[in-house]
Amino acid sequence: MQTLRSIEEVINQQCGCRRAFLTGHGSTAIYLALKAIESVAGSGEVIIPTLCCPSLAQVAIYAGFKPVFADVRRDDFVLDETTFSARISPQTRAIMPVHLFGNAVPMRPLLEVARERGIFVIEDAAQSLGGSYEGRPMGGWGDFGILSFGGTKIVQAGAGGALLTQRDEWLPIIEKEMACLPPFARSTPLALRALSHRNLYHACVDLLRTDPSLDVHQIFSEALPLYRDLYLHAFPEDPTIMAKVASGFQNLDAENGERVQRAEQYHAQLEGCQGLTLCSAWRSSRVVWRYALIIHDSEKLLLVTERLRRNGIHASNHYWSVADLMCGEKALPDTQYLCPRILNLWVDRVADKPYIERCCRIIRDCLETPGDEGSLSS
């Protein structure tokens, strides 16, 4: 029978960290890392890539920090030491590099800048578990690493996350903060509030897709206190969830190998297609959460997404600029270009060979057929 400590030890070995702590969510792990930093350096600013899940910025606020947003690179959707350095101030306490979609942040030069400036690094590997950068596991580079085992992640348990650390001096601080976390809970009221939060996000993004000049940040940010308790919980000591996490790590190499193979199939069938740019950064990290590409005509992106969904193909357009949602900041040019143009395709087990072939055929049909409508054939 699995225990929390035995699972944490498996995570230690996989990620090359000194100690792993299981948490209720990946967002809880971020909160704990920031509270640990606050205990030794005080609160202040945390630099976050503006192209990421908005929960990173929300949890930073819950922990008493001010999120500051850095632009990302167009070719692989992640920040680097240049975009990070441009946002450093005397109040900067931490940076949160995110290996988005499985694409590796260049951690070595980023760490050099952070060390020179006395800035802590919280490495978000929620979408890159099992991948590596320069031969070292992603999640094991920073002062802290973040993992998530939510329903769509590479290790899917429906709940849970983990905080990784490399330094023994953090352990008593983290343990003290963990003792204050409420127990994990599922209830109809919580589920309804989670749905409300999701709907708010998508409603704001839909408004911005319609008119990017709109300022929706007051609508989005003023509601954040209502959702704090959705993000902060202890790990659910549920035998089913624990078994899924343990099994996910046992099968991690095989799972990632299959995901990379599916990404290669998408890549081969879409290469040379008019109107899009493919990203192949996952080839070096050897991990793919979603196969992400850029469709340069934003109207065509909406057509492609709608056509795929109509034909039973999973597709999403994550993420919109968190800076736009949280503070109305629009002066981050690469992110502003990417937001209305990203298409995410699934690489989990739903995406067998016929599924991928059908998906790529629909994309090509929409982009290469003259006129706006394309064919409805699947």
Protein backbone atom coordinates (compact mmCIF):
# COMPACT_ATOMS: atom_id res chain seq x y z
CA MET A 1 0.00 0.00 0.00
CA GLN A 2 1.27 3.46 -0.93
CA THR A 3 2.01 6.05 1.74
CA LEU A 4 2.54 9.78 1.32
CA ARG A 5 6.21 9.40 2.18
CA SER A 6 6.78 6.55 -0.28
CA ILE A 7 5.22 8.60 -3.09
CA GLU A 8 7.29 11.63 -2.13
CA GLU A 9 10.43 9.50 -2.30
CA VAL A 10 9.53 8.36 -5.83
CA ILE A 11 9.12 12.02 -6.80
CA ASN A 12 12.51 12.86 -5.24
CA GLN A 13 14.19 10.25 -7.39
CA GLN A 14 12.35 11.23 -10.58
CA CYS A 15 12.96 14.96 -10.26
CA GLY A 16 16.38 14.97 -8.65
CA CYS A 17 15.31 17.07 -5.67
CA ARG A 18 16.24 16.96 -1.99
CA ARG A 19 12.67 16.69 -0.75
CA ALA A 20 9.16 16.57 -2.22
CA PHE A 21 5.99 17.54 -0.37
CA LEU A 22 2.62 16.37 -1.66
CA THR A 23 0.03 19.15 -1.79
CA GLY A 24 -3.64 19.51 -2.65
CA HIS A 25 -2.93 21.26 -5.95
CA GLY A 26 -0.01 22.59 -7.93
CA SER A 27 -1.25 26.05 -6.92
CA THR A 28 -0.91 25.09 -3.25
CA ALA A 29 2.74 24.23 -3.91
CA ILE A 30 3.30 27.69 -5.41
CA TYR A 31 1.71 29.28 -2.34
CA LEU A 32 3.97 27.30 0.01
CA ALA A 33 7.10 28.24 -1.96
CA LEU A 34 6.20 31.93 -1.81
CA LYS A 35 5.44 31.79 1.92
CA ALA A 36 8.83 30.16 2.49
CA ILE A 37 10.51 32.96 0.52
CA GLU A 38 8.54 35.55 2.47
CA SER A 39 9.83 34.10 5.74
CA VAL A 40 13.45 34.80 4.78
CA ALA A 41 13.25 37.75 2.37
CA GLY A 42 9.90 39.39 3.01
CA SER A 43 7.14 39.81 0.47
CA GLY A 44 7.58 41.79 -2.72
CA GLU A 45 7.31 41.15 -6.43
CA VAL A 46 7.34 37.84 -8.27
CA ILE A 47 8.04 37.79 -12.00
CA ILE A 48 5.69 35.52 -13.95
CA PRO A 49 5.47 34.87 -17.70
CA THR A 50 2.32 36.51 -18.96
CA LEU A 51 1.52 33.48 -21.13
CA CYS A 52 0.56 30.87 -18.54
CA CYS A 53 -2.30 29.58 -16.42
CA PRO A 54 -3.74 32.56 -14.50
CA SER A 55 -3.69 30.61 -11.23
CA LEU A 56 0.04 31.41 -10.86
CA ALA A 57 -0.66 35.12 -10.54
CA GLN A 58 -3.74 34.55 -8.40
CA VAL A 59 -1.84 32.44 -5.88
CA ALA A 60 0.98 35.00 -5.79
CA ILE A 61 -1.60 37.56 -4.67
CA TYR A 62 -3.04 35.15 -2.10
CA ALA A 63 0.48 34.70 -0.70
CA GLY A 64 0.93 38.46 -0.32
CA PHE A 65 3.11 39.07 -3.39
CA LYS A 66 2.67 41.38 -6.38
CA PRO A 67 2.84 39.61 -9.76
CA VAL A 68 4.95 41.36 -12.41
CA PHE A 69 4.61 40.01 -15.92
CA ALA A 70 7.38 39.21 -18.40
CA ASP A 71 6.99 38.70 -22.13
CA VAL A 72 7.67 35.33 -23.78
CA ARG A 73 9.38 34.23 -26.98
CA ARG A 74 7.27 33.68 -30.09
CA ASP A 75 9.03 30.52 -31.17
CA ASP A 76 8.50 28.43 -28.01
CA PHE A 77 6.08 30.37 -25.72
CA VAL A 78 8.47 30.65 -22.73
CA LEU A 79 10.38 33.49 -21.09
CA ASP A 80 14.17 33.67 -21.02
CA GLU A 81 16.86 35.58 -19.16
CA THR A 82 16.37 38.63 -21.41
CA THR A 83 12.63 39.03 -20.90
CA PHE A 84 13.10 38.21 -17.19
CA SER A 85 15.89 40.76 -16.69
CA ALA A 86 13.77 43.53 -18.18
CA ARG A 87 11.28 43.21 -15.31
CA ILE A 88 13.64 43.05 -12.32
CA SER A 89 13.27 45.78 -9.70
CA PRO A 90 14.59 46.29 -6.13
CA GLN A 91 11.35 44.66 -4.93
CA THR A 92 11.81 41.44 -6.93
CA ARG A 93 11.93 38.43 -4.62
CA ALA A 94 11.27 35.54 -7.01
CA ILE A 95 10.79 34.47 -10.60
CA MET A 96 8.48 31.71 -11.75
CA PRO A 97 9.69 30.21 -15.07
CA VAL A 98 7.01 28.00 -16.66
CA HIS A 99 7.87 25.13 -19.02
CA LEU A 100 4.71 25.82 -21.02
CA PHE A 101 3.22 22.91 -22.98
CA GLY A 102 6.42 20.98 -22.14
CA ASN A 103 8.77 23.49 -23.82
CA ALA A 104 11.86 24.05 -21.68
CA VAL A 105 12.75 27.46 -20.30
CA PRO A 106 16.53 28.04 -20.73
CA MET A 107 17.20 27.50 -17.05
CA ARG A 108 20.99 27.82 -16.89
CA PRO A 109 21.28 31.45 -18.08
CA LEU A 110 18.11 32.38 -16.18
CA LEU A 111 19.57 30.95 -12.97
CA GLU A 112 22.80 32.88 -13.50
CA VAL A 113 20.86 36.15 -13.61
CA ALA A 114 18.74 35.16 -10.61
CA ARG A 115 21.78 34.20 -8.51
CA GLU A 116 23.57 37.45 -9.37
CA ARG A 117 20.54 39.46 -8.25
CA GLY A 118 19.61 37.41 -5.18
CA ILE A 119 16.30 36.27 -6.67
CA PHE A 120 14.70 32.93 -5.79
CA VAL A 121 13.52 30.63 -8.58
CA ILE A 122 10.21 28.73 -8.45
CA GLU A 123 10.26 26.38 -11.45
CA ASP A 124 6.81 25.40 -12.72
CA ALA A 125 7.06 21.92 -14.25
CA ALA A 126 3.33 21.17 -14.09
CA GLN A 127 3.23 20.68 -17.88
CA SER A 128 6.69 19.14 -18.28
CA LEU A 129 6.88 16.31 -15.75
CA GLY A 130 9.41 13.73 -16.88
CA GLY A 131 11.13 16.06 -19.32
CA SER A 132 14.66 17.39 -19.07
CA TYR A 133 16.79 20.42 -19.85
CA GLU A 134 20.50 19.81 -20.50
CA GLY A 135 20.04 16.28 -19.14
CA ARG A 136 18.63 17.42 -15.80
CA PRO A 137 14.96 16.85 -14.83
CA MET A 138 12.68 19.83 -15.26
CA GLY A 139 11.43 20.84 -11.84
CA GLY A 140 14.84 20.11 -10.33
CA TRP A 141 16.65 23.29 -11.40
CA GLY A 142 15.15 25.98 -9.21
CA ASP A 143 15.12 26.66 -5.50
CA PHE A 144 11.63 25.19 -5.70
CA GLY A 145 9.83 23.05 -8.26
CA ILE A 146 6.09 22.75 -8.85
CA LEU A 147 4.18 19.68 -10.07
CA SER A 148 0.48 19.08 -10.66
CA PHE A 149 -1.52 15.86 -10.94
CA GLY A 150 -4.84 17.38 -12.03
CA GLY A 151 -7.22 15.75 -14.46
CA THR A 152 -5.45 16.79 -17.67
CA LYS A 153 -1.82 16.62 -16.57
CA ILE A 154 0.83 14.09 -17.63
CA VAL A 155 0.36 12.21 -14.35
CA GLN A 156 -3.43 12.30 -14.05
CA ALA A 157 -4.89 11.66 -10.61
CA GLY A 158 -7.75 14.15 -10.65
CA ALA A 159 -6.19 16.13 -7.80
CA GLY A 160 -2.93 16.80 -6.05
CA GLY A 161 0.39 18.43 -6.68
CA ALA A 162 3.88 18.57 -5.22
CA LEU A 163 6.41 21.11 -4.01
CA LEU A 164 10.05 20.22 -4.65
CA THR A 165 13.02 21.78 -2.89
CA GLN A 166 16.78 21.40 -3.02
CA ARG A 167 17.69 22.94 0.35
CA ASP A 168 17.26 21.46 3.82
CA GLU A 169 16.82 24.87 5.45
CA TRP A 170 13.44 25.25 3.75
CA LEU A 171 12.00 22.08 5.29
CA PRO A 172 10.83 23.37 8.71
CA ILE A 173 9.35 26.50 7.12
CA ILE A 174 7.39 24.47 4.57
CA GLU A 175 6.24 21.97 7.18
CA LYS A 176 4.95 24.82 9.37
CA GLU A 177 2.96 26.32 6.47
CA MET A 178 1.62 22.91 5.45
CA ALA A 179 0.23 22.36 8.93
CA CYS A 180 -2.03 25.39 8.39
CA LEU A 181 -3.56 24.12 5.14
CA PRO A 182 -7.22 23.07 5.23
CA PRO A 183 -7.99 19.45 4.35
CA PHE A 184 -8.80 18.63 0.76
CA ALA A 185 -12.54 18.71 0.14
CA ARG A 186 -14.99 18.13 -2.67
CA SER A 187 -18.50 19.52 -2.43
CA THR A 188 -21.23 20.85 -4.67
CA PRO A 189 -20.72 24.48 -3.52
CA LEU A 190 -16.97 24.27 -4.24
CA ALA A 191 -17.62 22.69 -7.64
CA LEU A 192 -20.09 25.43 -8.52
CA ARG A 193 -17.62 28.15 -7.52
CA ALA A 194 -14.88 26.48 -9.54
CA LEU A 195 -17.24 26.46 -12.53
CA SER A 196 -18.06 30.12 -11.89
CA HIS A 197 -14.36 30.98 -11.86
CA ARG A 198 -13.74 29.08 -15.10
CA ASN A 199 -16.70 30.79 -16.76
CA LEU A 200 -15.44 34.20 -15.64
CA TYR A 201 -12.04 33.51 -17.20
CA HIS A 202 -13.49 32.38 -20.51
CA ALA A 203 -15.99 35.25 -20.62
CA CYS A 204 -13.19 37.79 -20.15
CA VAL A 205 -11.03 36.08 -22.77
CA ASP A 206 -13.93 35.98 -25.24
CA LEU A 207 -14.39 39.73 -24.77
CA LEU A 208 -10.70 40.32 -25.44
CA ARG A 209 -10.75 38.12 -28.53
CA THR A 210 -13.59 40.27 -29.85
CA ASP A 211 -11.81 43.53 -29.01
CA PRO A 212 -8.22 43.29 -27.68
CA SER A 213 -8.28 46.96 -26.69
CA LEU A 214 -10.88 46.32 -23.97
CA ASP A 215 -9.89 46.62 -20.32
CA VAL A 216 -11.44 43.73 -18.36
CA HIS A 217 -8.96 43.53 -15.50
CA GLN A 218 -11.24 45.08 -12.91
CA ILE A 219 -13.93 42.48 -13.64
CA PHE A 220 -11.43 39.63 -13.36
CA SER A 221 -9.15 40.80 -10.55
CA GLU A 222 -11.86 42.09 -8.22
CA ALA A 223 -13.43 38.62 -8.14
CA LEU A 224 -10.22 36.86 -7.05
CA PRO A 225 -10.88 36.93 -3.27
CA LEU A 226 -14.00 34.83 -3.88
CA TYR A 227 -11.94 31.91 -5.15
CA ARG A 228 -9.02 31.73 -2.72
CA ASP A 229 -10.13 28.53 -1.01
CA LEU A 230 -10.29 26.67 -4.34
CA TYR A 231 -6.50 26.71 -4.57
CA LEU A 232 -5.14 25.96 -1.09
CA HIS A 233 -5.52 22.46 0.39
CA ALA A 234 -3.54 19.63 1.91
CA PHE A 235 -2.98 16.55 -0.25
CA PRO A 236 -6.07 14.30 -0.38
CA GLU A 237 -5.14 11.11 1.47
CA ASP A 238 -7.46 9.14 -0.77
CA PRO A 239 -6.17 5.64 -1.67
CA THR A 240 -7.45 5.96 -5.24
CA ILE A 241 -5.70 9.28 -5.84
CA MET A 242 -2.51 8.04 -4.19
CA ALA A 243 -2.54 4.90 -6.36
CA LYS A 244 -3.00 6.98 -9.52
CA VAL A 245 -0.06 9.23 -8.64
CA ALA A 246 2.17 6.23 -7.88
CA SER A 247 1.11 4.46 -11.08
CA GLY A 248 1.63 7.63 -13.10
CA PHE A 249 5.24 7.86 -12.00
CA GLN A 250 5.84 4.17 -12.68
CA ASN A 251 4.62 4.64 -16.26
CA LEU A 252 5.99 8.14 -16.79
CA ASP A 253 8.73 7.31 -19.30
CA ALA A 254 6.37 5.24 -21.43
CA GLU A 255 3.66 7.92 -21.25
CA ASN A 256 6.03 10.66 -22.35
CA GLY A 257 7.46 8.50 -25.11
CA GLU A 258 3.97 7.98 -26.52
CA ARG A 259 3.18 11.70 -26.26
CA VAL A 260 6.32 12.61 -28.18
CA GLN A 261 5.44 10.06 -30.88
CA ARG A 262 1.99 11.65 -31.29
CA ALA A 263 3.55 15.11 -31.48
CA GLU A 264 5.84 13.82 -34.23
CA GLN A 265 2.78 12.59 -36.14
CA TYR A 266 1.10 16.00 -35.92
CA HIS A 267 4.35 17.69 -36.93
CA ALA A 268 4.93 15.48 -39.97
CA GLN A 269 1.38 15.93 -41.26
CA LEU A 270 1.21 19.70 -40.71
CA GLU A 271 4.71 20.62 -41.86
CA GLY A 272 4.52 22.93 -44.86
CA CYS A 273 0.86 23.81 -44.29
CA GLN A 274 0.06 27.37 -45.29
CA GLY A 275 -0.72 29.94 -42.64
CA LEU A 276 0.78 28.31 -39.57
CA THR A 277 4.06 27.98 -37.70
CA LEU A 278 4.98 24.80 -35.86
CA CYS A 279 6.97 24.61 -32.63
CA SER A 280 9.45 21.78 -32.10
CA ALA A 281 10.99 22.76 -28.74
CA TRP A 282 9.54 19.57 -27.22
CA ARG A 283 12.04 17.54 -29.24
CA SER A 284 14.83 18.62 -26.91
CA SER A 285 12.85 18.39 -23.65
CA ARG A 286 11.25 15.06 -24.71
CA VAL A 287 7.93 15.92 -23.10
CA VAL A 288 4.67 17.31 -24.53
CA TRP A 289 1.63 18.38 -22.56
CA ARG A 290 -0.18 19.86 -25.56
CA TYR A 291 1.00 20.10 -29.15
CA ALA A 292 0.90 23.88 -29.62
CA LEU A 293 1.13 25.74 -32.92
CA ILE A 294 0.50 29.25 -34.25
CA ILE A 295 -2.17 30.08 -36.83
CA HIS A 296 -1.26 33.55 -38.02
CA ASP A 297 -4.75 34.64 -39.09
CA SER A 298 -6.70 34.96 -35.83
CA GLU A 299 -10.03 34.62 -37.64
CA LYS A 300 -8.81 31.39 -39.20
CA LEU A 301 -7.82 30.17 -35.74
CA LEU A 302 -11.41 30.47 -34.57
CA LEU A 303 -12.63 28.68 -37.72
CA VAL A 304 -10.15 25.84 -37.22
CA THR A 305 -10.98 25.47 -33.53
CA GLU A 306 -14.73 25.41 -34.17
CA ARG A 307 -14.36 22.93 -37.05
CA LEU A 308 -12.21 20.57 -35.00
CA ARG A 309 -14.65 20.58 -32.09
CA ARG A 310 -17.60 20.04 -34.41
CA ASN A 311 -15.84 16.93 -35.69
CA GLY A 312 -15.12 15.51 -32.24
CA ILE A 313 -11.49 16.69 -32.01
CA HIS A 314 -10.27 18.26 -28.77
CA ALA A 315 -8.79 21.72 -29.30
CA SER A 316 -8.13 24.76 -27.11
CA ASN A 317 -6.51 28.18 -27.47
CA HIS A 318 -4.65 28.59 -24.16
CA TYR A 319 -3.51 30.97 -22.86
CA TRP A 320 -4.56 34.59 -22.95
CA SER A 321 -2.18 37.18 -21.47
CA VAL A 322 -2.47 37.10 -17.69
CA ALA A 323 -1.14 40.67 -17.60
CA ASP A 324 -4.11 41.74 -19.71
CA LEU A 325 -6.55 39.94 -17.40
CA MET A 326 -4.98 41.00 -14.10
CA CYS A 327 -3.88 44.59 -14.67
CA GLY A 328 -4.78 45.58 -18.23
CA GLU A 329 -1.13 45.63 -19.34
CA LYS A 330 -0.84 45.30 -23.12
CA ALA A 331 2.77 46.41 -23.75
CA LEU A 332 4.17 42.86 -24.07
CA PRO A 333 4.36 42.53 -27.86
CA ASP A 334 5.21 38.87 -28.37
CA THR A 335 2.52 37.69 -25.98
CA GLN A 336 -0.01 40.08 -27.52
CA TYR A 337 0.78 38.56 -30.91
CA LEU A 338 0.54 34.97 -29.70
CA CYS A 339 -2.64 35.12 -27.60
CA PRO A 340 -5.19 35.23 -30.44
CA ARG A 341 -3.23 32.74 -32.56
CA ILE A 342 -2.43 29.66 -30.42
CA LEU A 343 -3.98 26.27 -31.14
CA ASN A 344 -3.46 23.41 -28.65
CA LEU A 345 -3.93 19.79 -29.77
CA TRP A 346 -4.17 16.76 -27.49
CA VAL A 347 -1.38 14.16 -27.32
CA ASP A 348 -2.83 11.84 -24.69
CA ARG A 349 -4.31 8.44 -25.48
CA VAL A 350 -7.41 9.84 -27.17
CA ALA A 351 -5.11 10.88 -30.05
CA ASP A 352 -4.58 7.63 -31.93
CA LYS A 353 -3.31 7.60 -35.52
CA PRO A 354 -6.74 7.96 -37.25
CA TYR A 355 -7.66 10.78 -34.83
CA ILE A 356 -4.45 12.68 -35.63
CA GLU A 357 -4.87 12.14 -39.38
CA ARG A 358 -8.45 13.46 -39.23
CA CYS A 359 -7.37 16.44 -37.11
CA CYS A 360 -4.58 17.43 -39.49
CA ARG A 361 -6.81 16.98 -42.53
CA ILE A 362 -9.37 19.39 -41.05
CA ILE A 363 -6.66 21.96 -40.23
CA ARG A 364 -5.20 21.79 -43.73
CA ASP A 365 -8.65 22.00 -45.28
CA CYS A 366 -9.51 25.14 -43.29
CA LEU A 367 -6.21 26.88 -44.02
CA GLU A 368 -5.55 25.84 -47.60
CA THR A 369 -9.03 25.84 -49.13
CA PRO A 370 -9.84 29.18 -50.85
CA GLY A 371 -12.55 31.19 -49.13
CA ASP A 372 -13.48 31.40 -45.48
CA GLU A 373 -15.51 28.26 -44.98
CA GLY A 374 -13.45 25.29 -46.13
CA SER A 375 -14.99 21.84 -46.19
CA LEU A 376 -16.92 20.23 -43.37
CA SER A 377 -15.57 16.78 -44.20
CA SER A 378 -13.77 14.97 -41.42
